[in-house]
PDB file of N, CA and C in Angstrom:
ATOM      1  N   UNK A   1     138.151-276.772  56.367  1.00  0.00           N
ATOM      2  CA  UNK A   1     137.885-275.633  54.716  1.00  0.00           C
ATOM      3  C   UNK A   1     136.567-276.244  54.015  1.00  0.00           C
ATOM      4  N   UNK A   2     135.644-275.366  53.209  1.00  0.00           N
ATOM      5  CA  UNK A   2     134.925-275.816  52.338  1.00  0.00           C
ATOM      6  C   UNK A   2     135.100-275.289  50.779  1.00  0.00           C
ATOM      7  N   UNK A   3     134.429-275.943  50.198  1.00  0.00           N
ATOM      8  CA  UNK A   3     134.373-275.374  48.522  1.00  0.00           C
ATOM      9  C   UNK A   3     132.938-275.690  48.290  1.00  0.00           C
ATOM     10  N   UNK A   4     132.369-275.136  47.289  1.00  0.00           N
ATOM     11  CA  UNK A   4     130.855-275.526  46.360  1.00  0.00           C
ATOM     12  C   UNK A   4     131.256-275.695  45.533  1.00  0.00           C
ATOM     13  N   UNK A   5     130.262-276.997  45.335  1.00  0.00           N
ATOM     14  CA  UNK A   5     130.345-278.019  44.072  1.00  0.00           C
ATOM     15  C   UNK A   5     130.591-277.406  43.037  1.00  0.00           C
ATOM     16  N   UNK A   6     130.003-276.066  42.912  1.00  0.00           N
ATOM     17  CA  UNK A   6     130.462-275.782  41.490  1.00  0.00           C
ATOM     18  C   UNK A   6     131.691-275.398  41.107  1.00  0.00           C
ATOM     19  N   UNK A   7     132.716-274.983  42.157  1.00  0.00           N
ATOM     20  CA  UNK A   7     134.047-275.398  42.105  1.00  0.00           C
ATOM     21  C   UNK A   7     134.843-276.479  41.827  1.00  0.00           C
ATOM     22  N   UNK A   8     134.338-277.932  41.961  1.00  0.00           N
ATOM     23  CA  UNK A   8     134.570-278.910  41.737  1.00  0.00           C
ATOM     24  C   UNK A   8     135.072-279.331  40.166  1.00  0.00           C
ATOM     25  N   UNK A   9     134.381-279.027  39.200  1.00  0.00           N
ATOM     26  CA  UNK A   9     133.572-279.290  38.219  1.00  0.00           C
ATOM     27  C   UNK A   9     134.963-278.615  37.122  1.00  0.00           C
ATOM     28  N   UNK A  10     135.811-279.574  36.468  1.00  0.00           N
ATOM     29  CA  UNK A  10     136.706-279.251  35.677  1.00  0.00           C
ATOM     30  C   UNK A  10     138.221-279.478  36.391  1.00  0.00           C
ATOM     31  N   UNK A  11     138.112-279.859  37.758  1.00  0.00           N
ATOM     32  CA  UNK A  11     139.466-280.060  38.304  1.00  0.00           C
ATOM     33  C   UNK A  11     139.857-281.448  38.086  1.00  0.00           C
ATOM     34  N   UNK A  12     141.457-281.201  38.177  1.00  0.00           N
ATOM     35  CA  UNK A  12     142.366-282.325  37.205  1.00  0.00           C
ATOM     36  C   UNK A  12     141.973-283.399  38.916  1.00  0.00           C
ATOM     37  N   UNK A  13     142.070-284.616  38.523  1.00  0.00           N
ATOM     38  CA  UNK A  13     142.294-285.492  39.749  1.00  0.00           C
ATOM     39  C   UNK A  13     143.527-286.617  39.383  1.00  0.00           C
ATOM     40  N   UNK A  14     144.322-286.376  39.999  1.00  0.00           N
ATOM     41  CA  UNK A  14     145.796-287.358  40.171  1.00  0.00           C
ATOM     42  C   UNK A  14     145.505-288.175  41.385  1.00  0.00           C
ATOM     43  N   UNK A  15     146.035-289.267  41.563  1.00  0.00           N
ATOM     44  CA  UNK A  15     146.435-290.021  42.265  1.00  0.00           C
ATOM     45  C   UNK A  15     147.519-289.725  43.654  1.00  0.00           C
ATOM     46  N   UNK A  16     147.260-290.426  44.631  1.00  0.00           N
ATOM     47  CA  UNK A  16     148.706-289.993  45.352  1.00  0.00           C
ATOM     48  C   UNK A  16     149.542-290.076  45.041  1.00  0.00           C
ATOM     49  N   UNK A  17     149.802-291.158  44.077  1.00  0.00           N
ATOM     50  CA  UNK A  17     151.308-291.892  43.096  1.00  0.00           C
ATOM     51  C   UNK A  17     151.870-290.890  42.152  1.00  0.00           C
ATOM     52  N   UNK A  18     151.099-289.646  42.094  1.00  0.00           N
ATOM     53  CA  UNK A  18     151.005-288.740  40.504  1.00  0.00           C
ATOM     54  C   UNK A  18     150.682-288.832  39.382  1.00  0.00           C
ATOM     55  N   UNK A  19     149.580-290.018  38.832  1.00  0.00           N
ATOM     56  CA  UNK A  19     149.004-290.992  38.005  1.00  0.00           C
ATOM     57  C   UNK A  19     148.011-289.914  37.867  1.00  0.00           C
ATOM     58  N   UNK A  20     147.800-289.199  36.255  1.00  0.00           N
ATOM     59  CA  UNK A  20     147.011-288.458  35.654  1.00  0.00           C
ATOM     60  C   UNK A  20     145.278-289.360  36.089  1.00  0.00           C
ATOM     61  N   UNK A  21     144.694-288.566  36.422  1.00  0.00           N
ATOM     62  CA  UNK A  21     143.286-289.402  36.092  1.00  0.00           C
ATOM     63  C   UNK A  21     142.302-289.165  35.683  1.00  0.00           C
ATOM     64  N   UNK A  22     142.013-287.683  35.261  1.00  0.00           N
ATOM     65  CA  UNK A  22     140.559-287.427  34.581  1.00  0.00           C
ATOM     66  C   UNK A  22     140.355-286.196  35.225  1.00  0.00           C
ATOM     67  N   UNK A  23     139.612-285.890  34.721  1.00  0.00           N
ATOM     68  CA  UNK A  23     138.911-284.203  35.472  1.00  0.00           C
ATOM     69  C   UNK A  23     137.429-284.783  35.855  1.00  0.00           C
ATOM     70  N   UNK A  24     136.848-284.017  36.641  1.00  0.00           N
ATOM     71  CA  UNK A  24     136.013-284.076  37.322  1.00  0.00           C
ATOM     72  C   UNK A  24     134.567-283.131  36.205  1.00  0.00           C
ATOM     73  N   UNK A  25     133.917-283.930  36.098  1.00  0.00           N
ATOM     74  CA  UNK A  25     132.820-284.070  34.714  1.00  0.00           C
ATOM     75  C   UNK A  25     131.179-283.413  35.002  1.00  0.00           C
ATOM     76  N   UNK A  26     131.042-284.497  36.301  1.00  0.00           N
ATOM     77  CA  UNK A  26     129.851-284.991  36.949  1.00  0.00           C
ATOM     78  C   UNK A  26     130.159-285.262  38.547  1.00  0.00           C
ATOM     79  N   UNK A  27     128.898-284.804  39.486  1.00  0.00           N
ATOM     80  CA  UNK A  27     129.258-284.855  40.608  1.00  0.00           C
ATOM     81  C   UNK A  27     128.058-285.655  40.823  1.00  0.00           C
ATOM     82  N   UNK A  28     128.191-286.731  42.036  1.00  0.00           N
ATOM     83  CA  UNK A  28     126.438-287.509  42.568  1.00  0.00           C
ATOM     84  C   UNK A  28     126.898-287.025  43.637  1.00  0.00           C
ATOM     85  N   UNK A  29     125.238-286.670  44.402  1.00  0.00           N
ATOM     86  CA  UNK A  29     125.296-286.033  45.595  1.00  0.00           C
ATOM     87  C   UNK A  29     123.960-286.944  46.675  1.00  0.00           C
ATOM     88  N   UNK A  30     124.391-287.426  47.376  1.00  0.00           N
ATOM     89  CA  UNK A  30     123.247-287.721  48.520  1.00  0.00           C
ATOM     90  C   UNK A  30     122.352-286.556  49.137  1.00  0.00           C
ATOM     91  N   UNK A  31     121.088-285.952  48.255  1.00  0.00           N
ATOM     92  CA  UNK A  31     120.746-285.101  48.980  1.00  0.00           C
ATOM     93  C   UNK A  31     119.859-285.231  50.509  1.00  0.00           C
ATOM     94  N   UNK A  32     120.070-286.543  50.585  1.00  0.00           N
ATOM     95  CA  UNK A  32     118.931-286.778  52.284  1.00  0.00           C
ATOM     96  C   UNK A  32     120.228-286.406  52.633  1.00  0.00           C
ATOM     97  N   UNK A  33     120.823-286.734  53.087  1.00  0.00           N
ATOM     98  CA  UNK A  33     122.539-287.499  53.996  1.00  0.00           C
ATOM     99  C   UNK A  33     123.155-285.679  53.525  1.00  0.00           C
ATOM    100  N   UNK A  34     122.955-285.009  52.472  1.00  0.00           N
ATOM    101  CA  UNK A  34     123.902-283.708  52.126  1.00  0.00           C
ATOM    102  C   UNK A  34     125.409-284.069  52.033  1.00  0.00           C
ATOM    103  N   UNK A  35     125.697-284.952  51.233  1.00  0.00           N
ATOM    104  CA  UNK A  35     126.732-285.166  51.267  1.00  0.00           C
ATOM    105  C   UNK A  35     127.740-285.709  49.987  1.00  0.00           C
ATOM    106  N   UNK A  36     128.458-285.322  49.288  1.00  0.00           N
ATOM    107  CA  UNK A  36     129.014-285.948  47.872  1.00  0.00           C
ATOM    108  C   UNK A  36     129.723-287.754  47.576  1.00  0.00           C
ATOM    109  N   UNK A  37     128.620-287.909  47.298  1.00  0.00           N
ATOM    110  CA  UNK A  37     128.787-289.868  46.919  1.00  0.00           C
ATOM    111  C   UNK A  37     130.116-290.028  45.912  1.00  0.00           C
ATOM    112  N   UNK A  38     130.365-289.018  44.765  1.00  0.00           N
ATOM    113  CA  UNK A  38     131.624-289.996  43.970  1.00  0.00           C
ATOM    114  C   UNK A  38     131.307-288.551  43.191  1.00  0.00           C
ATOM    115  N   UNK A  39     133.065-288.318  42.282  1.00  0.00           N
ATOM    116  CA  UNK A  39     133.309-287.751  41.584  1.00  0.00           C
ATOM    117  C   UNK A  39     133.174-288.359  40.138  1.00  0.00           C
ATOM    118  N   UNK A  40     132.483-288.184  38.773  1.00  0.00           N
ATOM    119  CA  UNK A  40     132.384-288.692  37.495  1.00  0.00           C
ATOM    120  C   UNK A  40     133.424-287.931  36.843  1.00  0.00           C
ATOM    121  N   UNK A  41     133.784-289.168  36.040  1.00  0.00           N
ATOM    122  CA  UNK A  41     135.257-288.778  34.947  1.00  0.00           C
ATOM    123  C   UNK A  41     134.049-288.469  33.286  1.00  0.00           C
ATOM    124  N   UNK A  42     133.379-288.077  33.560  1.00  0.00           N
ATOM    125  CA  UNK A  42     132.251-288.469  31.839  1.00  0.00           C
ATOM    126  C   UNK A  42     130.980-288.113  32.865  1.00  0.00           C
ATOM    127  N   UNK A  43     130.712-286.879  31.916  1.00  0.00           N
ATOM    128  CA  UNK A  43     129.104-286.277  32.331  1.00  0.00           C
ATOM    129  C   UNK A  43     127.903-286.843  31.649  1.00  0.00           C
ATOM    130  N   UNK A  44     126.890-286.644  32.644  1.00  0.00           N
ATOM    131  CA  UNK A  44     126.265-287.225  32.017  1.00  0.00           C
ATOM    132  C   UNK A  44     124.687-286.472  31.495  1.00  0.00           C
ATOM    133  N   UNK A  45     125.050-285.420  30.925  1.00  0.00           N
ATOM    134  CA  UNK A  45     124.237-284.378  30.423  1.00  0.00           C
ATOM    135  C   UNK A  45     123.793-285.025  29.286  1.00  0.00           C
ATOM    136  N   UNK A  46     124.434-285.806  28.453  1.00  0.00           N
ATOM    137  CA  UNK A  46     123.776-286.266  26.971  1.00  0.00           C
ATOM    138  C   UNK A  46     123.493-287.425  26.476  1.00  0.00           C
ATOM    139  N   UNK A  47     123.192-288.538  28.083  1.00  0.00           N
ATOM    140  CA  UNK A  47     123.070-290.106  28.456  1.00  0.00           C
ATOM    141  C   UNK A  47     121.051-289.930  29.061  1.00  0.00           C
ATOM    142  N   UNK A  48     121.138-291.257  28.315  1.00  0.00           N
ATOM    143  CA  UNK A  48     119.259-291.029  28.531  1.00  0.00           C
ATOM    144  C   UNK A  48     119.414-292.057  30.263  1.00  0.00           C
ATOM    145  N   UNK A  49     118.487-290.919  31.167  1.00  0.00           N
ATOM    146  CA  UNK A  49     117.881-291.406  32.164  1.00  0.00           C
ATOM    147  C   UNK A  49     117.784-292.692  32.398  1.00  0.00           C
ATOM    148  N   UNK A  50     118.736-293.291  33.246  1.00  0.00           N
ATOM    149  CA  UNK A  50     118.575-294.742  33.620  1.00  0.00           C
ATOM    150  C   UNK A  50     118.883-295.518  32.859  1.00  0.00           C
ATOM    151  N   UNK A  51     119.678-295.278  31.904  1.00  0.00           N
ATOM    152  CA  UNK A  51     120.641-295.912  30.864  1.00  0.00           C
ATOM    153  C   UNK A  51     121.445-296.687  31.743  1.00  0.00           C
ATOM    154  N   UNK A  52     121.809-297.460  30.537  1.00  0.00           N
ATOM    155  CA  UNK A  52     123.058-298.001  31.013  1.00  0.00           C
ATOM    156  C   UNK A  52     124.407-297.629  30.988  1.00  0.00           C
ATOM    157  N   UNK A  53     124.754-297.243  30.125  1.00  0.00           N
ATOM    158  CA  UNK A  53     125.795-296.200  30.381  1.00  0.00           C
ATOM    159  C   UNK A  53     126.271-295.438  31.424  1.00  0.00           C
ATOM    160  N   UNK A  54     125.272-295.076  32.014  1.00  0.00           N
ATOM    161  CA  UNK A  54     125.084-294.591  33.778  1.00  0.00           C
ATOM    162  C   UNK A  54     125.437-295.030  34.073  1.00  0.00           C
ATOM    163  N   UNK A  55     125.160-296.443  34.394  1.00  0.00           N
ATOM    164  CA  UNK A  55     125.652-297.393  35.056  1.00  0.00           C
ATOM    165  C   UNK A  55     126.932-297.515  35.005  1.00  0.00           C
ATOM    166  N   UNK A  56     127.705-297.557  33.767  1.00  0.00           N
ATOM    167  CA  UNK A  56     128.881-298.100  33.118  1.00  0.00           C
ATOM    168  C   UNK A  56     129.394-296.721  34.024  1.00  0.00           C
ATOM    169  N   UNK A  57     129.608-295.627  33.812  1.00  0.00           N
ATOM    170  CA  UNK A  57     130.024-294.114  34.091  1.00  0.00           C
ATOM    171  C   UNK A  57     129.989-294.641  35.844  1.00  0.00           C
ATOM    172  N   UNK A  58     129.381-294.601  36.573  1.00  0.00           N
ATOM    173  CA  UNK A  58     129.135-294.916  37.358  1.00  0.00           C
ATOM    174  C   UNK A  58     130.223-296.080  38.296  1.00  0.00           C
ATOM    175  N   UNK A  59     130.017-297.349  37.905  1.00  0.00           N
ATOM    176  CA  UNK A  59     130.996-297.717  38.068  1.00  0.00           C
ATOM    177  C   UNK A  59     132.594-298.363  37.661  1.00  0.00           C
ATOM    178  N   UNK A  60     133.070-297.711  36.355  1.00  0.00           N
ATOM    179  CA  UNK A  60     134.230-297.427  35.625  1.00  0.00           C
ATOM    180  C   UNK A  60     134.566-296.705  35.626  1.00  0.00           C
ATOM    181  N   UNK A  61     134.146-295.587  35.468  1.00  0.00           N
ATOM    182  CA  UNK A  61     134.738-294.122  35.181  1.00  0.00           C
ATOM    183  C   UNK A  61     134.245-292.738  36.690  1.00  0.00           C
ATOM    184  N   UNK A  62     134.200-293.496  37.438  1.00  0.00           N
ATOM    185  CA  UNK A  62     133.796-293.020  38.658  1.00  0.00           C
ATOM    186  C   UNK A  62     134.993-293.153  40.485  1.00  0.00           C
ATOM    187  N   UNK A  63     134.962-292.024  40.868  1.00  0.00           N
ATOM    188  CA  UNK A  63     135.499-292.251  41.929  1.00  0.00           C
ATOM    189  C   UNK A  63     134.600-292.323  43.396  1.00  0.00           C
ATOM    190  N   UNK A  64     134.896-292.643  44.113  1.00  0.00           N
ATOM    191  CA  UNK A  64     134.061-292.884  45.327  1.00  0.00           C
ATOM    192  C   UNK A  64     134.529-291.500  46.394  1.00  0.00           C
ATOM    193  N   UNK A  65     133.891-290.890  46.549  1.00  0.00           N
ATOM    194  CA  UNK A  65     134.187-289.472  47.916  1.00  0.00           C
ATOM    195  C   UNK A  65     135.109-290.363  48.694  1.00  0.00           C
ATOM    196  N   UNK A  66     134.687-291.392  49.352  1.00  0.00           N
ATOM    197  CA  UNK A  66     135.519-291.875  50.143  1.00  0.00           C
ATOM    198  C   UNK A  66     137.282-292.221  49.605  1.00  0.00           C
ATOM    199  N   UNK A  67     137.132-291.834  48.415  1.00  0.00           N
ATOM    200  CA  UNK A  67     139.012-292.042  48.424  1.00  0.00           C
ATOM    201  C   UNK A  67     139.649-290.541  47.778  1.00  0.00           C
ATOM    202  N   UNK A  68     138.767-289.651  48.236  1.00  0.00           N
ATOM    203  CA  UNK A  68     139.367-288.048  47.730  1.00  0.00           C
ATOM    204  C   UNK A  68     140.207-288.046  49.226  1.00  0.00           C
ATOM    205  N   UNK A  69     141.259-287.597  49.066  1.00  0.00           N
ATOM    206  CA  UNK A  69     142.483-287.494  50.071  1.00  0.00           C
ATOM    207  C   UNK A  69     142.129-285.975  50.187  1.00  0.00           C
ATOM    208  N   UNK A  70     142.138-284.897  49.137  1.00  0.00           N
ATOM    209  CA  UNK A  70     142.271-283.536  49.148  1.00  0.00           C
ATOM    210  C   UNK A  70     141.970-283.021  47.909  1.00  0.00           C
ATOM    211  N   UNK A  71     140.813-281.323  48.188  1.00  0.00           N
ATOM    212  CA  UNK A  71     140.312-281.052  47.165  1.00  0.00           C
ATOM    213  C   UNK A  71     141.219-279.502  47.375  1.00  0.00           C
ATOM    214  N   UNK A  72     141.996-279.341  46.275  1.00  0.00           N
ATOM    215  CA  UNK A  72     142.006-277.556  45.656  1.00  0.00           C
ATOM    216  C   UNK A  72     142.405-277.131  44.798  1.00  0.00           C
ATOM    217  N   UNK A  73     143.755-276.920  44.095  1.00  0.00           N
ATOM    218  CA  UNK A  73     143.747-276.928  42.929  1.00  0.00           C
ATOM    219  C   UNK A  73     143.712-278.213  42.266  1.00  0.00           C
ATOM    220  N   UNK A  74     143.819-279.124  42.387  1.00  0.00           N
ATOM    221  CA  UNK A  74     143.693-280.447  41.837  1.00  0.00           C
ATOM    222  C   UNK A  74     142.643-281.151  42.704  1.00  0.00           C
ATOM    223  N   UNK A  75     142.415-282.730  42.677  1.00  0.00           N
ATOM    224  CA  UNK A  75     141.785-283.773  43.337  1.00  0.00           C
ATOM    225  C   UNK A  75     142.815-284.715  43.313  1.00  0.00           C
ATOM    226  N   UNK A  76     142.797-284.607  44.604  1.00  0.00           N
ATOM    227  CA  UNK A  76     143.922-286.001  44.972  1.00  0.00           C
ATOM    228  C   UNK A  76     143.661-287.729  45.242  1.00  0.00           C
ATOM    229  N   UNK A  77     143.543-288.153  44.914  1.00  0.00           N
ATOM    230  CA  UNK A  77     142.772-289.525  45.326  1.00  0.00           C
ATOM    231  C   UNK A  77     143.649-290.025  45.923  1.00  0.00           C
ATOM    232  N   UNK A  78     143.299-291.676  45.999  1.00  0.00           N
ATOM    233  CA  UNK A  78     143.846-293.110  46.443  1.00  0.00           C
ATOM    234  C   UNK A  78     144.249-293.696  45.754  1.00  0.00           C
ATOM    235  N   UNK A  79     142.807-293.764  44.855  1.00  0.00           N
ATOM    236  CA  UNK A  79     143.359-295.049  43.642  1.00  0.00           C
ATOM    237  C   UNK A  79     142.752-294.693  42.287  1.00  0.00           C
ATOM    238  N   UNK A  80     142.826-295.315  40.907  1.00  0.00           N
ATOM    239  CA  UNK A  80     142.207-295.275  40.172  1.00  0.00           C
ATOM    240  C   UNK A  80     141.112-295.489  40.129  1.00  0.00           C
ATOM    241  N   UNK A  81     139.854-295.352  39.213  1.00  0.00           N
ATOM    242  CA  UNK A  81     138.809-295.923  38.900  1.00  0.00           C
ATOM    243  C   UNK A  81     138.691-297.237  38.749  1.00  0.00           C
ATOM    244  N   UNK A  82     137.957-298.236  39.034  1.00  0.00           N
ATOM    245  CA  UNK A  82     138.136-299.763  38.652  1.00  0.00           C
ATOM    246  C   UNK A  82     137.327-299.926  37.402  1.00  0.00           C
ATOM    247  N   UNK A  83     138.462-300.351  36.366  1.00  0.00           N
ATOM    248  CA  UNK A  83     137.943-300.693  34.665  1.00  0.00           C
ATOM    249  C   UNK A  83     137.269-302.199  35.559  1.00  0.00           C
ATOM    250  N   UNK A  84     136.078-302.376  34.235  1.00  0.00           N
ATOM    251  CA  UNK A  84     135.081-303.490  34.442  1.00  0.00           C
ATOM    252  C   UNK A  84     136.176-304.687  33.842  1.00  0.00           C
ATOM    253  N   UNK A  85     135.981-306.078  34.622  1.00  0.00           N
ATOM    254  CA  UNK A  85     136.365-307.076  33.848  1.00  0.00           C
ATOM    255  C   UNK A  85     135.886-307.339  31.891  1.00  0.00           C
ATOM    256  N   UNK A  86     136.970-307.745  31.233  1.00  0.00           N
ATOM    257  CA  UNK A  86     136.883-307.875  29.813  1.00  0.00           C
ATOM    258  C   UNK A  86     135.423-309.207  29.394  1.00  0.00           C
ATOM    259  N   UNK A  87     135.000-308.792  29.462  1.00  0.00           N
ATOM    260  CA  UNK A  87     134.191-310.394  28.547  1.00  0.00           C
ATOM    261  C   UNK A  87     134.674-311.525  28.022  1.00  0.00           C
ATOM    262  N   UNK A  88     134.532-312.334  28.028  1.00  0.00           N
ATOM    263  CA  UNK A  88     135.473-313.529  27.404  1.00  0.00           C
ATOM    264  C   UNK A  88     134.268-313.392  25.869  1.00  0.00           C
ATOM    265  N   UNK A  89     134.667-313.888  24.565  1.00  0.00           N
ATOM    266  CA  UNK A  89     133.951-313.790  23.372  1.00  0.00           C
ATOM    267  C   UNK A  89     133.329-314.795  23.016  1.00  0.00           C
TER     268      UNK A  89
END
């Protein structure tokens, strides 16, 4: 089965244990390989190009496409995004 990338935007994401993760707001694609790399829970539209916020979203608010189990009416994934450890004050 195949899906157009445009059909992924706005889909709800859940873990395989039924935990709500969020919605697909942006998608990162490797153009050279022609494959989806990750689904992002936050849109990049309002962010500065190459900024720290983009790096943070990619690290903390994204799901690697390797962790996607199934895509249908929802996106089913193996695990929640990994939050970064809190820095000591």
